PDB file of N, CA and C in Angstrom:
ATOM      1  N   GLU A   1      64.833  41.820  52.703  1.00  0.00           N
ATOM      2  CA  GLU A   1      64.424  43.011  51.954  1.00  0.00           C
ATOM      3  C   GLU A   1      65.079  44.248  52.547  1.00  0.00           C
ATOM      4  N   LEU A   2      65.276  45.238  51.712  1.00  0.00           N
ATOM      5  CA  LEU A   2      65.965  46.461  52.122  1.00  0.00           C
ATOM      6  C   LEU A   2      65.254  47.156  53.279  1.00  0.00           C
ATOM      7  N   LEU A   3      63.927  47.252  53.198  1.00  0.00           N
ATOM      8  CA  LEU A   3      63.180  47.946  54.240  1.00  0.00           C
ATOM      9  C   LEU A   3      63.315  47.254  55.587  1.00  0.00           C
ATOM     10  N   ASP A   4      63.380  45.915  55.581  1.00  0.00           N
ATOM     11  CA  ASP A   4      63.552  45.177  56.830  1.00  0.00           C
ATOM     12  C   ASP A   4      64.918  45.464  57.439  1.00  0.00           C
ATOM     13  N   LYS A   5      65.952  45.542  56.599  1.00  0.00           N
ATOM     14  CA  LYS A   5      67.293  45.877  57.090  1.00  0.00           C
ATOM     15  C   LYS A   5      67.304  47.275  57.691  1.00  0.00           C
ATOM     16  N   MET A   6      66.638  48.211  57.013  1.00  0.00           N
ATOM     17  CA  MET A   6      66.550  49.573  57.534  1.00  0.00           C
ATOM     18  C   MET A   6      65.839  49.584  58.880  1.00  0.00           C
ATOM     19  N   GLN A   7      64.754  48.817  58.985  1.00  0.00           N
ATOM     20  CA  GLN A   7      63.981  48.754  60.225  1.00  0.00           C
ATOM     21  C   GLN A   7      64.851  48.280  61.383  1.00  0.00           C
ATOM     22  N   SER A   8      65.623  47.207  61.179  1.00  0.00           N
ATOM     23  CA  SER A   8      66.451  46.686  62.265  1.00  0.00           C
ATOM     24  C   SER A   8      67.582  47.660  62.598  1.00  0.00           C
ATOM     25  N   ALA A   9      68.090  48.372  61.597  1.00  0.00           N
ATOM     26  CA  ALA A   9      69.125  49.374  61.862  1.00  0.00           C
ATOM     27  C   ALA A   9      68.558  50.527  62.684  1.00  0.00           C
ATOM     28  N   ILE A  10      67.322  50.931  62.363  1.00  0.00           N
ATOM     29  CA  ILE A  10      66.668  52.018  63.097  1.00  0.00           C
ATOM     30  C   ILE A  10      66.463  51.617  64.560  1.00  0.00           C
ATOM     31  N   GLN A  11      66.049  50.375  64.792  1.00  0.00           N
ATOM     32  CA  GLN A  11      65.780  49.914  66.157  1.00  0.00           C
ATOM     33  C   GLN A  11      67.026  49.972  67.032  1.00  0.00           C
ATOM     34  N   ARG A  12      68.215  49.897  66.434  1.00  0.00           N
ATOM     35  CA  ARG A  12      69.459  49.899  67.212  1.00  0.00           C
ATOM     36  C   ARG A  12      69.934  51.305  67.572  1.00  0.00           C
ATOM     37  N   LEU A  13      69.269  52.343  67.050  1.00  0.00           N
ATOM     38  CA  LEU A  13      69.692  53.710  67.341  1.00  0.00           C
ATOM     39  C   LEU A  13      69.445  54.046  68.815  1.00  0.00           C
ATOM     40  N   PRO A  14      70.329  54.850  69.429  1.00  0.00           N
ATOM     41  CA  PRO A  14      70.211  55.121  70.866  1.00  0.00           C
ATOM     42  C   PRO A  14      69.063  56.060  71.232  1.00  0.00           C
ATOM     43  N   ASP A  15      68.718  56.995  70.347  1.00  0.00           N
ATOM     44  CA  ASP A  15      67.719  58.009  70.685  1.00  0.00           C
ATOM     45  C   ASP A  15      66.310  57.521  70.349  1.00  0.00           C
ATOM     46  N   PRO A  16      65.441  57.350  71.369  1.00  0.00           N
ATOM     47  CA  PRO A  16      64.086  56.814  71.102  1.00  0.00           C
ATOM     48  C   PRO A  16      63.249  57.702  70.188  1.00  0.00           C
ATOM     49  N   GLN A  17      63.426  59.019  70.270  1.00  0.00           N
ATOM     50  CA  GLN A  17      62.650  59.901  69.381  1.00  0.00           C
ATOM     51  C   GLN A  17      63.044  59.693  67.924  1.00  0.00           C
ATOM     52  N   THR A  18      64.326  59.565  67.686  1.00  0.00           N
ATOM     53  CA  THR A  18      64.807  59.308  66.324  1.00  0.00           C
ATOM     54  C   THR A  18      64.253  57.988  65.809  1.00  0.00           C
ATOM     55  N   VAL A  19      64.277  56.973  66.685  1.00  0.00           N
ATOM     56  CA  VAL A  19      63.740  55.665  66.316  1.00  0.00           C
ATOM     57  C   VAL A  19      62.278  55.799  65.910  1.00  0.00           C
ATOM     58  N   GLU A  20      61.512  56.563  66.705  1.00  0.00           N
ATOM     59  CA  GLU A  20      60.080  56.714  66.430  1.00  0.00           C
ATOM     60  C   GLU A  20      59.847  57.415  65.093  1.00  0.00           C
ATOM     61  N   VAL A  21      60.564  58.519  64.870  1.00  0.00           N
ATOM     62  CA  VAL A  21      60.394  59.287  63.629  1.00  0.00           C
ATOM     63  C   VAL A  21      60.756  58.442  62.411  1.00  0.00           C
ATOM     64  N   LEU A  22      61.925  57.778  62.484  1.00  0.00           N
ATOM     65  CA  LEU A  22      62.377  56.993  61.340  1.00  0.00           C
ATOM     66  C   LEU A  22      61.480  55.781  61.102  1.00  0.00           C
ATOM     67  N   SER A  23      60.966  55.185  62.183  1.00  0.00           N
ATOM     68  CA  SER A  23      60.052  54.050  62.016  1.00  0.00           C
ATOM     69  C   SER A  23      58.776  54.491  61.312  1.00  0.00           C
ATOM     70  N   THR A  24      58.272  55.682  61.689  1.00  0.00           N
ATOM     71  CA  THR A  24      57.081  56.217  61.034  1.00  0.00           C
ATOM     72  C   THR A  24      57.349  56.461  59.555  1.00  0.00           C
ATOM     73  N   LEU A  25      58.510  57.070  59.263  1.00  0.00           N
ATOM     74  CA  LEU A  25      58.889  57.290  57.866  1.00  0.00           C
ATOM     75  C   LEU A  25      58.944  55.982  57.098  1.00  0.00           C
ATOM     76  N   LEU A  26      59.508  54.972  57.736  1.00  0.00           N
ATOM     77  CA  LEU A  26      59.650  53.674  57.088  1.00  0.00           C
ATOM     78  C   LEU A  26      58.275  53.071  56.789  1.00  0.00           C
ATOM     79  N   GLN A  27      57.323  53.265  57.715  1.00  0.00           N
ATOM     80  CA  GLN A  27      55.959  52.768  57.479  1.00  0.00           C
ATOM     81  C   GLN A  27      55.361  53.435  56.240  1.00  0.00           C
ATOM     82  N   TYR A  28      55.550  54.767  56.137  1.00  0.00           N
ATOM     83  CA  TYR A  28      55.038  55.483  54.964  1.00  0.00           C
ATOM     84  C   TYR A  28      55.661  54.942  53.685  1.00  0.00           C
ATOM     85  N   ILE A  29      56.981  54.708  53.735  1.00  0.00           N
ATOM     86  CA  ILE A  29      57.678  54.179  52.557  1.00  0.00           C
ATOM     87  C   ILE A  29      57.104  52.827  52.168  1.00  0.00           C
ATOM     88  N   ARG A  30      56.870  51.970  53.167  1.00  0.00           N
ATOM     89  CA  ARG A  30      56.274  50.653  52.906  1.00  0.00           C
ATOM     90  C   ARG A  30      54.927  50.792  52.212  1.00  0.00           C
ATOM     91  N   GLN A  31      54.056  51.656  52.783  1.00  0.00           N
ATOM     92  CA  GLN A  31      52.719  51.840  52.214  1.00  0.00           C
ATOM     93  C   GLN A  31      52.804  52.383  50.793  1.00  0.00           C
ATOM     94  N   LEU A  32      53.689  53.359  50.590  1.00  0.00           N
ATOM     95  CA  LEU A  32      53.853  53.931  49.253  1.00  0.00           C
ATOM     96  C   LEU A  32      54.309  52.890  48.248  1.00  0.00           C
ATOM     97  N   SER A  33      55.278  52.069  48.662  1.00  0.00           N
ATOM     98  CA  SER A  33      55.791  51.075  47.718  1.00  0.00           C
ATOM     99  C   SER A  33      54.721  50.032  47.397  1.00  0.00           C
ATOM    100  N   GLU A  34      53.903  49.655  48.418  1.00  0.00           N
ATOM    101  CA  GLU A  34      52.818  48.710  48.145  1.00  0.00           C
ATOM    102  C   GLU A  34      51.817  49.313  47.174  1.00  0.00           C
ATOM    103  N   THR A  35      51.468  50.585  47.390  1.00  0.00           N
ATOM    104  CA  THR A  35      50.541  51.268  46.489  1.00  0.00           C
ATOM    105  C   THR A  35      51.117  51.338  45.084  1.00  0.00           C
ATOM    106  N   LEU A  36      52.408  51.657  45.013  1.00  0.00           N
ATOM    107  CA  LEU A  36      53.077  51.764  43.720  1.00  0.00           C
ATOM    108  C   LEU A  36      53.069  50.432  42.984  1.00  0.00           C
ATOM    109  N   PHE A  37      53.390  49.341  43.709  1.00  0.00           N
ATOM    110  CA  PHE A  37      53.372  48.021  43.086  1.00  0.00           C
ATOM    111  C   PHE A  37      51.971  47.694  42.578  1.00  0.00           C
ATOM    112  N   GLN A  38      50.944  48.063  43.358  1.00  0.00           N
ATOM    113  CA  GLN A  38      49.566  47.815  42.938  1.00  0.00           C
ATOM    114  C   GLN A  38      49.263  48.595  41.660  1.00  0.00           C
ATOM    115  N   ASP A  39      49.668  49.869  41.619  1.00  0.00           N
ATOM    116  CA  ASP A  39      49.449  50.691  40.425  1.00  0.00           C
ATOM    117  C   ASP A  39      50.155  50.100  39.214  1.00  0.00           C
ATOM    118  N   ILE A  40      51.399  49.649  39.417  1.00  0.00           N
ATOM    119  CA  ILE A  40      52.160  49.050  38.320  1.00  0.00           C
ATOM    120  C   ILE A  40      51.447  47.807  37.812  1.00  0.00           C
ATOM    121  N   LYS A  41      50.952  46.984  38.744  1.00  0.00           N
ATOM    122  CA  LYS A  41      50.254  45.758  38.360  1.00  0.00           C
ATOM    123  C   LYS A  41      48.995  46.099  37.563  1.00  0.00           C
ATOM    124  N   GLU A  42      48.223  47.074  38.058  1.00  0.00           N
ATOM    125  CA  GLU A  42      47.003  47.479  37.350  1.00  0.00           C
ATOM    126  C   GLU A  42      47.339  48.010  35.961  1.00  0.00           C
ATOM    127  N   THR A  43      48.423  48.771  35.871  1.00  0.00           N
ATOM    128  CA  THR A  43      48.818  49.336  34.582  1.00  0.00           C
ATOM    129  C   THR A  43      49.237  48.242  33.612  1.00  0.00           C
ATOM    130  N   GLN A  44      49.982  47.249  34.108  1.00  0.00           N
ATOM    131  CA  GLN A  44      50.374  46.133  33.253  1.00  0.00           C
ATOM    132  C   GLN A  44      49.142  45.385  32.755  1.00  0.00           C
ATOM    133  N   GLU A  45      48.170  45.170  33.656  1.00  0.00           N
ATOM    134  CA  GLU A  45      46.939  44.502  33.240  1.00  0.00           C
ATOM    135  C   GLU A  45      46.211  45.343  32.202  1.00  0.00           C
ATOM    136  N   LEU A  46      46.239  46.666  32.396  1.00  0.00           N
ATOM    137  CA  LEU A  46      45.591  47.577  31.452  1.00  0.00           C
ATOM    138  C   LEU A  46      46.230  47.473  30.073  1.00  0.00           C
ATOM    139  N   ILE A  47      47.559  47.377  30.051  1.00  0.00           N
ATOM    140  CA  ILE A  47      48.273  47.268  28.776  1.00  0.00           C
ATOM    141  C   ILE A  47      47.936  45.943  28.094  1.00  0.00           C
ATOM    142  N   GLU A  48      47.834  44.877  28.901  1.00  0.00           N
ATOM    143  CA  GLU A  48      47.548  43.565  28.328  1.00  0.00           C
ATOM    144  C   GLU A  48      46.090  43.443  27.888  1.00  0.00           C
ATOM    145  N   LYS A  49      45.163  44.055  28.638  1.00  0.00           N
ATOM    146  CA  LYS A  49      43.744  44.000  28.288  1.00  0.00           C
ATOM    147  C   LYS A  49      43.196  45.421  28.210  1.00  0.00           C
ATOM    148  N   PRO A  50      43.309  46.067  27.065  1.00  0.00           N
ATOM    149  CA  PRO A  50      42.961  47.489  26.951  1.00  0.00           C
ATOM    150  C   PRO A  50      41.486  47.804  27.196  1.00  0.00           C
ATOM    151  N   ARG A  51      40.586  46.820  27.081  1.00  0.00           N
ATOM    152  CA  ARG A  51      39.171  47.128  27.236  1.00  0.00           C
ATOM    153  C   ARG A  51      38.742  47.195  28.698  1.00  0.00           C
ATOM    154  N   LYS A  52      39.635  46.784  29.597  1.00  0.00           N
ATOM    155  CA  LYS A  52      39.297  46.850  31.023  1.00  0.00           C
ATOM    156  C   LYS A  52      39.290  48.290  31.516  1.00  0.00           C
ATOM    157  N   GLN A  53      38.727  48.486  32.739  1.00  0.00           N
ATOM    158  CA  GLN A  53      38.743  49.798  33.372  1.00  0.00           C
ATOM    159  C   GLN A  53      40.187  50.258  33.576  1.00  0.00           C
ATOM    160  N   PRO A  54      40.473  51.539  33.362  1.00  0.00           N
ATOM    161  CA  PRO A  54      41.827  52.032  33.650  1.00  0.00           C
ATOM    162  C   PRO A  54      42.096  52.009  35.148  1.00  0.00           C
ATOM    163  N   PRO A  55      43.365  51.980  35.562  1.00  0.00           N
ATOM    164  CA  PRO A  55      43.666  51.989  36.995  1.00  0.00           C
ATOM    165  C   PRO A  55      43.169  53.268  37.659  1.00  0.00           C
ATOM    166  N   THR A  56      42.987  53.216  38.963  1.00  0.00           N
ATOM    167  CA  THR A  56      42.387  54.314  39.707  1.00  0.00           C
ATOM    168  C   THR A  56      43.126  55.625  39.487  1.00  0.00           C
ATOM    169  N   TRP A  57      44.455  55.576  39.586  1.00  0.00           N
ATOM    170  CA  TRP A  57      45.219  56.825  39.465  1.00  0.00           C
ATOM    171  C   TRP A  57      45.065  57.434  38.077  1.00  0.00           C
ATOM    172  N   LEU A  58      44.881  56.580  37.050  1.00  0.00           N
ATOM    173  CA  LEU A  58      44.730  57.076  35.691  1.00  0.00           C
ATOM    174  C   LEU A  58      43.355  57.730  35.530  1.00  0.00           C
ATOM    175  N   ARG A  59      42.327  57.116  36.112  1.00  0.00           N
ATOM    176  CA  ARG A  59      40.985  57.702  36.059  1.00  0.00           C
ATOM    177  C   ARG A  59      40.988  59.067  36.732  1.00  0.00           C
ATOM    178  N   GLN A  60      41.617  59.159  37.914  1.00  0.00           N
ATOM    179  CA  GLN A  60      41.664  60.426  38.640  1.00  0.00           C
ATOM    180  C   GLN A  60      42.404  61.477  37.829  1.00  0.00           C
ATOM    181  N   ALA A  61      43.523  61.089  37.230  1.00  0.00           N
ATOM    182  CA  ALA A  61      44.327  62.039  36.464  1.00  0.00           C
ATOM    183  C   ALA A  61      43.552  62.549  35.253  1.00  0.00           C
ATOM    184  N   SER A  62      42.882  61.639  34.541  1.00  0.00           N
ATOM    185  CA  SER A  62      42.190  62.063  33.328  1.00  0.00           C
ATOM    186  C   SER A  62      40.964  62.903  33.671  1.00  0.00           C
ATOM    187  N   SER A  63      40.268  62.598  34.778  1.00  0.00           N
ATOM    188  CA  SER A  63      39.098  63.394  35.132  1.00  0.00           C
ATOM    189  C   SER A  63      39.520  64.785  35.596  1.00  0.00           C
ATOM    190  N   SER A  64      40.628  64.892  36.334  1.00  0.00           N
ATOM    191  CA  SER A  64      41.070  66.208  36.794  1.00  0.00           C
ATOM    192  C   SER A  64      41.603  67.039  35.627  1.00  0.00           C
ATOM    193  N   SER A  65      42.265  66.404  34.663  1.00  0.00           N
ATOM    194  CA  SER A  65      42.775  67.155  33.520  1.00  0.00           C
ATOM    195  C   SER A  65      41.615  67.603  32.630  1.00  0.00           C
ATOM    196  N   ALA A  66      40.545  66.830  32.597  1.00  0.00           N
ATOM    197  CA  ALA A  66      39.375  67.232  31.823  1.00  0.00           C
ATOM    198  C   ALA A  66      38.738  68.470  32.449  1.00  0.00           C
ATOM    199  N   GLN A  67      38.716  68.520  33.789  1.00  0.00           N
ATOM    200  CA  GLN A  67      38.149  69.683  34.474  1.00  0.00           C
ATOM    201  C   GLN A  67      38.980  70.931  34.220  1.00  0.00           C
ATOM    202  N   THR A  68      40.311  70.808  34.307  1.00  0.00           N
ATOM    203  CA  THR A  68      41.160  71.976  34.083  1.00  0.00           C
ATOM    204  C   THR A  68      41.073  72.428  32.632  1.00  0.00           C
ATOM    205  N   GLY A  69      40.844  71.507  31.719  1.00  0.00           N
ATOM    206  CA  GLY A  69      40.729  71.860  30.314  1.00  0.00           C
ATOM    207  C   GLY A  69      39.511  72.721  30.041  1.00  0.00           C
ATOM    208  N   ARG A  70      38.417  72.485  30.794  1.00  0.00           N
ATOM    209  CA  ARG A  70      37.198  73.253  30.589  1.00  0.00           C
ATOM    210  C   ARG A  70      37.362  74.707  31.029  1.00  0.00           C
ATOM    211  N   HIS A  71      38.197  74.950  32.040  1.00  0.00           N
ATOM    212  CA  HIS A  71      38.316  76.304  32.577  1.00  0.00           C
ATOM    213  C   HIS A  71      39.056  77.246  31.632  1.00  0.00           C
ATOM    214  N   ARG A  72      39.842  76.718  30.731  1.00  0.00           N
ATOM    215  CA  ARG A  72      40.638  77.583  29.849  1.00  0.00           C
ATOM    216  C   ARG A  72      39.780  78.347  28.850  1.00  0.00           C
TER     217      ARG A  72
END
């Protein structure tokens, strides 16, 4: 996987601080991509079964937009 290749490339860098910073960034990227894949999966399930609960991010988005709509 691409992220694993990046990880091994980062480990070979000479500067330990750079290695630490980039490794932390890579961890965030991993977590984000896992979250994104989960959201995509939930959305696909939502499309296939419309009567199910909407995915978390969709519920949050619609509730926040409903709040902003009231203030106008």
